[in-house]
């Protein structure tokens, strides 16, 4: 289980993350977000937080590494999504 957080304030419309992980998508406001169908996703004006229990943590980490604004963090968590 892992949590992906996008800091929407730091996100500046350069979406290298979208090419690394298909769960990262552009929202109606032109900001990076997470596909709500991919896991448990909560969104506010400041951040997007998704929790996933699949085997794709490496994809999320690659997306985080591709972000030029360090707006994405990936961390291991315990529990159910």
PDB file of N, CA and C in Angstrom:
ATOM      1  N   UNK A   1       0.852  -1.179   0.000  1.00  0.00           N
ATOM      2  CA  UNK A   1       0.000   0.000   0.000  1.00  0.00           C
ATOM      3  C   UNK A   1       0.895   1.238   0.000  1.00  0.00           C
ATOM      4  N   UNK A   2       0.536   2.210  -0.806  1.00  0.00           N
ATOM      5  CA  UNK A   2       1.318   3.433  -0.857  1.00  0.00           C
ATOM      6  C   UNK A   2       0.424   4.625  -1.155  1.00  0.00           C
ATOM      7  N   UNK A   3       0.924   5.799  -0.769  1.00  0.00           N
ATOM      8  CA  UNK A   3       0.186   7.046  -0.950  1.00  0.00           C
ATOM      9  C   UNK A   3       0.971   7.928  -1.915  1.00  0.00           C
ATOM     10  N   UNK A   4       0.239   8.515  -2.851  1.00  0.00           N
ATOM     11  CA  UNK A   4       0.810   9.469  -3.804  1.00  0.00           C
ATOM     12  C   UNK A   4       0.176  10.824  -3.520  1.00  0.00           C
ATOM     13  N   UNK A   5       1.004  11.855  -3.334  1.00  0.00           N
ATOM     14  CA  UNK A   5       0.511  13.202  -3.072  1.00  0.00           C
ATOM     15  C   UNK A   5       1.044  14.151  -4.132  1.00  0.00           C
ATOM     16  N   UNK A   6       0.151  14.944  -4.701  1.00  0.00           N
ATOM     17  CA  UNK A   6       0.532  15.992  -5.643  1.00  0.00           C
ATOM     18  C   UNK A   6       0.271  17.337  -4.973  1.00  0.00           C
ATOM     19  N   UNK A   7       1.302  18.147  -4.853  1.00  0.00           N
ATOM     20  CA  UNK A   7       1.178  19.510  -4.338  1.00  0.00           C
ATOM     21  C   UNK A   7       0.745  20.393  -5.507  1.00  0.00           C
ATOM     22  N   UNK A   8      -0.537  20.754  -5.530  1.00  0.00           N
ATOM     23  CA  UNK A   8      -1.068  21.494  -6.677  1.00  0.00           C
ATOM     24  C   UNK A   8      -0.474  22.901  -6.785  1.00  0.00           C
ATOM     25  N   UNK A   9      -0.026  23.483  -5.665  1.00  0.00           N
ATOM     26  CA  UNK A   9       0.596  24.798  -5.710  1.00  0.00           C
ATOM     27  C   UNK A   9       1.927  24.777  -6.435  1.00  0.00           C
ATOM     28  N   UNK A  10       2.639  23.652  -6.335  1.00  0.00           N
ATOM     29  CA  UNK A  10       3.942  23.537  -6.988  1.00  0.00           C
ATOM     30  C   UNK A  10       3.824  23.086  -8.442  1.00  0.00           C
ATOM     31  N   UNK A  11       2.689  22.518  -8.802  1.00  0.00           N
ATOM     32  CA  UNK A  11       2.479  21.999 -10.158  1.00  0.00           C
ATOM     33  C   UNK A  11       2.301  23.179 -11.114  1.00  0.00           C
ATOM     34  N   UNK A  12       3.089  23.194 -12.176  1.00  0.00           N
ATOM     35  CA  UNK A  12       3.089  24.354 -13.071  1.00  0.00           C
ATOM     36  C   UNK A  12       2.788  24.000 -14.524  1.00  0.00           C
ATOM     37  N   UNK A  13       2.012  22.946 -14.735  1.00  0.00           N
ATOM     38  CA  UNK A  13       1.564  22.641 -16.085  1.00  0.00           C
ATOM     39  C   UNK A  13       2.549  21.910 -16.964  1.00  0.00           C
ATOM     40  N   UNK A  14       3.687  21.480 -16.436  1.00  0.00           N
ATOM     41  CA  UNK A  14       4.616  20.647 -17.194  1.00  0.00           C
ATOM     42  C   UNK A  14       4.416  19.231 -16.681  1.00  0.00           C
ATOM     43  N   UNK A  15       3.787  18.394 -17.472  1.00  0.00           N
ATOM     44  CA  UNK A  15       3.315  17.121 -16.961  1.00  0.00           C
ATOM     45  C   UNK A  15       4.151  15.946 -17.446  1.00  0.00           C
ATOM     46  N   UNK A  16       5.427  15.925 -17.099  1.00  0.00           N
ATOM     47  CA  UNK A  16       6.268  14.776 -17.403  1.00  0.00           C
ATOM     48  C   UNK A  16       5.728  13.536 -16.701  1.00  0.00           C
ATOM     49  N   UNK A  17       5.029  13.741 -15.562  1.00  0.00           N
ATOM     50  CA  UNK A  17       4.478  12.606 -14.814  1.00  0.00           C
ATOM     51  C   UNK A  17       3.457  11.836 -15.643  1.00  0.00           C
ATOM     52  N   UNK A  18       2.722  12.510 -16.531  1.00  0.00           N
ATOM     53  CA  UNK A  18       1.689  11.850 -17.315  1.00  0.00           C
ATOM     54  C   UNK A  18       2.259  10.781 -18.219  1.00  0.00           C
ATOM     55  N   UNK A  19       3.498  10.944 -18.650  1.00  0.00           N
ATOM     56  CA  UNK A  19       4.099   9.970 -19.551  1.00  0.00           C
ATOM     57  C   UNK A  19       4.691   8.784 -18.806  1.00  0.00           C
ATOM     58  N   UNK A  20       4.798   8.863 -17.481  1.00  0.00           N
ATOM     59  CA  UNK A  20       5.407   7.802 -16.692  1.00  0.00           C
ATOM     60  C   UNK A  20       4.383   6.872 -16.054  1.00  0.00           C
ATOM     61  N   UNK A  21       3.182   7.365 -15.812  1.00  0.00           N
ATOM     62  CA  UNK A  21       2.170   6.585 -15.108  1.00  0.00           C
ATOM     63  C   UNK A  21       0.799   7.031 -15.605  1.00  0.00           C
ATOM     64  N   UNK A  22       0.024   6.134 -16.233  1.00  0.00           N
ATOM     65  CA  UNK A  22      -1.267   6.533 -16.803  1.00  0.00           C
ATOM     66  C   UNK A  22      -2.305   6.962 -15.778  1.00  0.00           C
ATOM     67  N   UNK A  23      -2.046   6.746 -14.496  1.00  0.00           N
ATOM     68  CA  UNK A  23      -2.987   7.217 -13.468  1.00  0.00           C
ATOM     69  C   UNK A  23      -2.907   8.724 -13.278  1.00  0.00           C
ATOM     70  N   UNK A  24      -1.811   9.341 -13.744  1.00  0.00           N
ATOM     71  CA  UNK A  24      -1.679  10.791 -13.674  1.00  0.00           C
ATOM     72  C   UNK A  24      -2.353  11.378 -14.911  1.00  0.00           C
ATOM     73  N   UNK A  25      -3.299  12.288 -14.695  1.00  0.00           N
ATOM     74  CA  UNK A  25      -4.056  12.890 -15.792  1.00  0.00           C
ATOM     75  C   UNK A  25      -4.152  14.397 -15.565  1.00  0.00           C
ATOM     76  N   UNK A  26      -4.531  15.118 -16.590  1.00  0.00           N
ATOM     77  CA  UNK A  26      -4.742  16.565 -16.474  1.00  0.00           C
ATOM     78  C   UNK A  26      -6.210  16.817 -16.164  1.00  0.00           C
ATOM     79  N   UNK A  27      -6.490  17.667 -15.174  1.00  0.00           N
ATOM     80  CA  UNK A  27      -7.878  17.950 -14.818  1.00  0.00           C
ATOM     81  C   UNK A  27      -8.429  19.114 -15.652  1.00  0.00           C
ATOM     82  N   UNK A  28      -9.682  19.471 -15.404  1.00  0.00           N
ATOM     83  CA  UNK A  28     -10.340  20.530 -16.173  1.00  0.00           C
ATOM     84  C   UNK A  28      -9.684  21.897 -16.000  1.00  0.00           C
ATOM     85  N   UNK A  29      -8.956  22.084 -14.897  1.00  0.00           N
ATOM     86  CA  UNK A  29      -8.269  23.354 -14.643  1.00  0.00           C
ATOM     87  C   UNK A  29      -6.852  23.369 -15.195  1.00  0.00           C
ATOM     88  N   UNK A  30      -6.444  22.283 -15.862  1.00  0.00           N
ATOM     89  CA  UNK A  30      -5.112  22.227 -16.439  1.00  0.00           C
ATOM     90  C   UNK A  30      -4.025  21.865 -15.453  1.00  0.00           C
ATOM     91  N   UNK A  31      -4.386  21.231 -14.338  1.00  0.00           N
ATOM     92  CA  UNK A  31      -3.416  20.798 -13.339  1.00  0.00           C
ATOM     93  C   UNK A  31      -3.333  19.276 -13.332  1.00  0.00           C
ATOM     94  N   UNK A  32      -2.198  18.765 -12.902  1.00  0.00           N
ATOM     95  CA  UNK A  32      -2.059  17.317 -12.782  1.00  0.00           C
ATOM     96  C   UNK A  32      -2.938  16.815 -11.649  1.00  0.00           C
ATOM     97  N   UNK A  33      -3.545  15.659 -11.859  1.00  0.00           N
ATOM     98  CA  UNK A  33      -4.349  15.008 -10.828  1.00  0.00           C
ATOM     99  C   UNK A  33      -4.213  13.510 -11.013  1.00  0.00           C
ATOM    100  N   UNK A  34      -4.916  12.742 -10.214  1.00  0.00           N
ATOM    101  CA  UNK A  34      -4.908  11.291 -10.308  1.00  0.00           C
ATOM    102  C   UNK A  34      -6.271  10.809 -10.761  1.00  0.00           C
ATOM    103  N   UNK A  35      -6.280   9.785 -11.585  1.00  0.00           N
ATOM    104  CA  UNK A  35      -7.516   9.190 -12.072  1.00  0.00           C
ATOM    105  C   UNK A  35      -8.276   8.583 -10.894  1.00  0.00           C
ATOM    106  N   UNK A  36      -9.456   9.099 -10.619  1.00  0.00           N
ATOM    107  CA  UNK A  36     -10.251   8.651  -9.466  1.00  0.00           C
ATOM    108  C   UNK A  36     -10.683   7.193  -9.609  1.00  0.00           C
ATOM    109  N   UNK A  37     -10.664   6.644 -10.814  1.00  0.00           N
ATOM    110  CA  UNK A  37     -11.035   5.251 -11.014  1.00  0.00           C
ATOM    111  C   UNK A  37      -9.894   4.294 -10.676  1.00  0.00           C
ATOM    112  N   UNK A  38      -8.704   4.825 -10.420  1.00  0.00           N
ATOM    113  CA  UNK A  38      -7.529   3.988 -10.198  1.00  0.00           C
ATOM    114  C   UNK A  38      -7.327   3.606  -8.743  1.00  0.00           C
ATOM    115  N   UNK A  39      -7.984   4.281  -7.819  1.00  0.00           N
ATOM    116  CA  UNK A  39      -7.803   3.998  -6.398  1.00  0.00           C
ATOM    117  C   UNK A  39      -8.610   4.980  -5.579  1.00  0.00           C
ATOM    118  N   UNK A  40      -8.288   5.111  -4.302  1.00  0.00           N
ATOM    119  CA  UNK A  40      -8.948   6.080  -3.438  1.00  0.00           C
ATOM    120  C   UNK A  40      -8.246   7.415  -3.612  1.00  0.00           C
ATOM    121  N   UNK A  41      -8.948   8.393  -4.174  1.00  0.00           N
ATOM    122  CA  UNK A  41      -8.341   9.682  -4.489  1.00  0.00           C
ATOM    123  C   UNK A  41      -9.171  10.795  -3.850  1.00  0.00           C
ATOM    124  N   UNK A  42      -8.483  11.685  -3.125  1.00  0.00           N
ATOM    125  CA  UNK A  42      -9.123  12.865  -2.551  1.00  0.00           C
ATOM    126  C   UNK A  42      -8.420  14.093  -3.096  1.00  0.00           C
ATOM    127  N   UNK A  43      -9.197  15.099  -3.463  1.00  0.00           N
ATOM    128  CA  UNK A  43      -8.625  16.298  -4.076  1.00  0.00           C
ATOM    129  C   UNK A  43      -9.132  17.548  -3.382  1.00  0.00           C
ATOM    130  N   UNK A  44      -8.212  18.481  -3.105  1.00  0.00           N
ATOM    131  CA  UNK A  44      -8.562  19.809  -2.603  1.00  0.00           C
ATOM    132  C   UNK A  44      -7.902  20.818  -3.527  1.00  0.00           C
ATOM    133  N   UNK A  45      -8.078  22.093  -3.249  1.00  0.00           N
ATOM    134  CA  UNK A  45      -7.409  23.113  -4.053  1.00  0.00           C
ATOM    135  C   UNK A  45      -5.898  23.043  -3.895  1.00  0.00           C
ATOM    136  N   UNK A  46      -5.420  22.544  -2.749  1.00  0.00           N
ATOM    137  CA  UNK A  46      -3.992  22.518  -2.463  1.00  0.00           C
ATOM    138  C   UNK A  46      -3.297  21.232  -2.867  1.00  0.00           C
ATOM    139  N   UNK A  47      -4.012  20.103  -2.835  1.00  0.00           N
ATOM    140  CA  UNK A  47      -3.333  18.835  -3.087  1.00  0.00           C
ATOM    141  C   UNK A  47      -4.290  17.773  -3.614  1.00  0.00           C
ATOM    142  N   UNK A  48      -3.671  16.738  -4.174  1.00  0.00           N
ATOM    143  CA  UNK A  48      -4.376  15.533  -4.571  1.00  0.00           C
ATOM    144  C   UNK A  48      -3.661  14.388  -3.862  1.00  0.00           C
ATOM    145  N   UNK A  49      -4.434  13.542  -3.174  1.00  0.00           N
ATOM    146  CA  UNK A  49      -3.848  12.412  -2.463  1.00  0.00           C
ATOM    147  C   UNK A  49      -4.553  11.146  -2.935  1.00  0.00           C
ATOM    148  N   UNK A  50      -3.767  10.180  -3.397  1.00  0.00           N
ATOM    149  CA  UNK A  50      -4.304   8.897  -3.813  1.00  0.00           C
ATOM    150  C   UNK A  50      -3.654   7.783  -3.030  1.00  0.00           C
ATOM    151  N   UNK A  51      -4.437   6.776  -2.652  1.00  0.00           N
ATOM    152  CA  UNK A  51      -3.892   5.598  -1.987  1.00  0.00           C
ATOM    153  C   UNK A  51      -4.195   4.384  -2.855  1.00  0.00           C
ATOM    154  N   UNK A  52      -3.156   3.573  -3.053  1.00  0.00           N
ATOM    155  CA  UNK A  52      -3.236   2.444  -3.966  1.00  0.00           C
ATOM    156  C   UNK A  52      -2.686   1.194  -3.299  1.00  0.00           C
ATOM    157  N   UNK A  53      -3.229   0.044  -3.673  1.00  0.00           N
ATOM    158  CA  UNK A  53      -2.748  -1.225  -3.128  1.00  0.00           C
ATOM    159  C   UNK A  53      -2.302  -2.160  -4.240  1.00  0.00           C
ATOM    160  N   UNK A  54      -1.936  -1.607  -5.380  1.00  0.00           N
ATOM    161  CA  UNK A  54      -1.516  -2.432  -6.507  1.00  0.00           C
ATOM    162  C   UNK A  54       0.006  -2.555  -6.542  1.00  0.00           C
ATOM    163  N   UNK A  55       0.508  -3.138  -7.597  1.00  0.00           N
ATOM    164  CA  UNK A  55       1.943  -3.382  -7.725  1.00  0.00           C
ATOM    165  C   UNK A  55       2.642  -2.302  -8.542  1.00  0.00           C
ATOM    166  N   UNK A  56       2.085  -1.102  -8.613  1.00  0.00           N
ATOM    167  CA  UNK A  56       2.611  -0.092  -9.515  1.00  0.00           C
ATOM    168  C   UNK A  56       3.301   1.064  -8.794  1.00  0.00           C
ATOM    169  N   UNK A  57       3.813   0.817  -7.592  1.00  0.00           N
ATOM    170  CA  UNK A  57       4.514   1.869  -6.853  1.00  0.00           C
ATOM    171  C   UNK A  57       5.707   2.393  -7.652  1.00  0.00           C
ATOM    172  N   UNK A  58       6.391   1.520  -8.389  1.00  0.00           N
ATOM    173  CA  UNK A  58       7.537   1.966  -9.183  1.00  0.00           C
ATOM    174  C   UNK A  58       7.115   2.954 -10.269  1.00  0.00           C
ATOM    175  N   UNK A  59       5.932   2.750 -10.859  1.00  0.00           N
ATOM    176  CA  UNK A  59       5.426   3.695 -11.853  1.00  0.00           C
ATOM    177  C   UNK A  59       5.188   5.059 -11.220  1.00  0.00           C
ATOM    178  N   UNK A  60       4.596   5.061 -10.032  1.00  0.00           N
ATOM    179  CA  UNK A  60       4.336   6.317  -9.338  1.00  0.00           C
ATOM    180  C   UNK A  60       5.650   7.001  -8.956  1.00  0.00           C
ATOM    181  N   UNK A  61       6.633   6.215  -8.529  1.00  0.00           N
ATOM    182  CA  UNK A  61       7.934   6.792  -8.186  1.00  0.00           C
ATOM    183  C   UNK A  61       8.624   7.375  -9.421  1.00  0.00           C
ATOM    184  N   UNK A  62       8.468   6.725 -10.572  1.00  0.00           N
ATOM    185  CA  UNK A  62       9.031   7.264 -11.814  1.00  0.00           C
ATOM    186  C   UNK A  62       8.348   8.569 -12.197  1.00  0.00           C
ATOM    187  N   UNK A  63       7.036   8.648 -11.981  1.00  0.00           N
ATOM    188  CA  UNK A  63       6.304   9.882 -12.249  1.00  0.00           C
ATOM    189  C   UNK A  63       6.782  10.996 -11.324  1.00  0.00           C
ATOM    190  N   UNK A  64       6.999  10.669 -10.053  1.00  0.00           N
ATOM    191  CA  UNK A  64       7.485  11.663  -9.091  1.00  0.00           C
ATOM    192  C   UNK A  64       8.872  12.153  -9.478  1.00  0.00           C
ATOM    193  N   UNK A  65       9.729  11.244  -9.910  1.00  0.00           N
ATOM    194  CA  UNK A  65      11.092  11.620 -10.304  1.00  0.00           C
ATOM    195  C   UNK A  65      11.090  12.492 -11.551  1.00  0.00           C
ATOM    196  N   UNK A  66      10.095  12.328 -12.408  1.00  0.00           N
ATOM    197  CA  UNK A  66      10.022  13.103 -13.646  1.00  0.00           C
ATOM    198  C   UNK A  66       9.503  14.516 -13.440  1.00  0.00           C
ATOM    199  N   UNK A  67       8.879  14.770 -12.291  1.00  0.00           N
ATOM    200  CA  UNK A  67       8.288  16.091 -12.031  1.00  0.00           C
ATOM    201  C   UNK A  67       9.391  17.123 -11.776  1.00  0.00           C
ATOM    202  N   UNK A  68       9.480  18.153 -12.618  1.00  0.00           N
ATOM    203  CA  UNK A  68      10.546  19.148 -12.439  1.00  0.00           C
ATOM    204  C   UNK A  68      10.306  20.085 -11.247  1.00  0.00           C
ATOM    205  N   UNK A  69       9.138  20.019 -10.634  1.00  0.00           N
ATOM    206  CA  UNK A  69       8.792  20.917  -9.536  1.00  0.00           C
ATOM    207  C   UNK A  69       8.790  20.234  -8.181  1.00  0.00           C
ATOM    208  N   UNK A  70       9.181  18.945  -8.142  1.00  0.00           N
ATOM    209  CA  UNK A  70       9.128  18.164  -6.901  1.00  0.00           C
ATOM    210  C   UNK A  70       7.752  18.254  -6.248  1.00  0.00           C
ATOM    211  N   UNK A  71       6.715  18.227  -7.069  1.00  0.00           N
ATOM    212  CA  UNK A  71       5.346  18.366  -6.579  1.00  0.00           C
ATOM    213  C   UNK A  71       4.710  17.035  -6.207  1.00  0.00           C
ATOM    214  N   UNK A  72       5.405  15.919  -6.462  1.00  0.00           N
ATOM    215  CA  UNK A  72       4.825  14.597  -6.238  1.00  0.00           C
ATOM    216  C   UNK A  72       5.666  13.834  -5.232  1.00  0.00           C
ATOM    217  N   UNK A  73       4.992  13.269  -4.235  1.00  0.00           N
ATOM    218  CA  UNK A  73       5.677  12.393  -3.281  1.00  0.00           C
ATOM    219  C   UNK A  73       4.977  11.043  -3.272  1.00  0.00           C
ATOM    220  N   UNK A  74       5.752   9.993  -3.035  1.00  0.00           N
ATOM    221  CA  UNK A  74       5.236   8.633  -2.934  1.00  0.00           C
ATOM    222  C   UNK A  74       5.775   8.059  -1.633  1.00  0.00           C
ATOM    223  N   UNK A  75       4.867   7.527  -0.794  1.00  0.00           N
ATOM    224  CA  UNK A  75       5.291   6.972   0.475  1.00  0.00           C
ATOM    225  C   UNK A  75       4.512   5.709   0.786  1.00  0.00           C
ATOM    226  N   UNK A  76       5.171   4.763   1.431  1.00  0.00           N
ATOM    227  CA  UNK A  76       4.529   3.532   1.859  1.00  0.00           C
ATOM    228  C   UNK A  76       3.634   3.829   3.053  1.00  0.00           C
ATOM    229  N   UNK A  77       2.463   3.197   3.092  1.00  0.00           N
ATOM    230  CA  UNK A  77       1.530   3.333   4.214  1.00  0.00           C
ATOM    231  C   UNK A  77       0.974   1.950   4.551  1.00  0.00           C
ATOM    232  N   UNK A  78       0.492   1.817   5.771  1.00  0.00           N
ATOM    233  CA  UNK A  78      -0.146   0.565   6.179  1.00  0.00           C
ATOM    234  C   UNK A  78      -1.660   0.731   6.117  1.00  0.00           C
ATOM    235  N   UNK A  79      -2.355  -0.364   5.877  1.00  0.00           N
ATOM    236  CA  UNK A  79      -3.811  -0.317   5.910  1.00  0.00           C
ATOM    237  C   UNK A  79      -4.426  -0.600   4.569  1.00  0.00           C
ATOM    238  N   UNK A  80      -5.725  -0.429   4.521  1.00  0.00           N
ATOM    239  CA  UNK A  80      -6.513  -0.647   3.314  1.00  0.00           C
ATOM    240  C   UNK A  80      -6.830   0.680   2.651  1.00  0.00           C
ATOM    241  N   UNK A  81      -6.911   0.728   1.321  1.00  0.00           N
ATOM    242  CA  UNK A  81      -7.262   1.983   0.638  1.00  0.00           C
ATOM    243  C   UNK A  81      -8.698   2.381   0.884  1.00  0.00           C
TER     244      UNK A  81
END
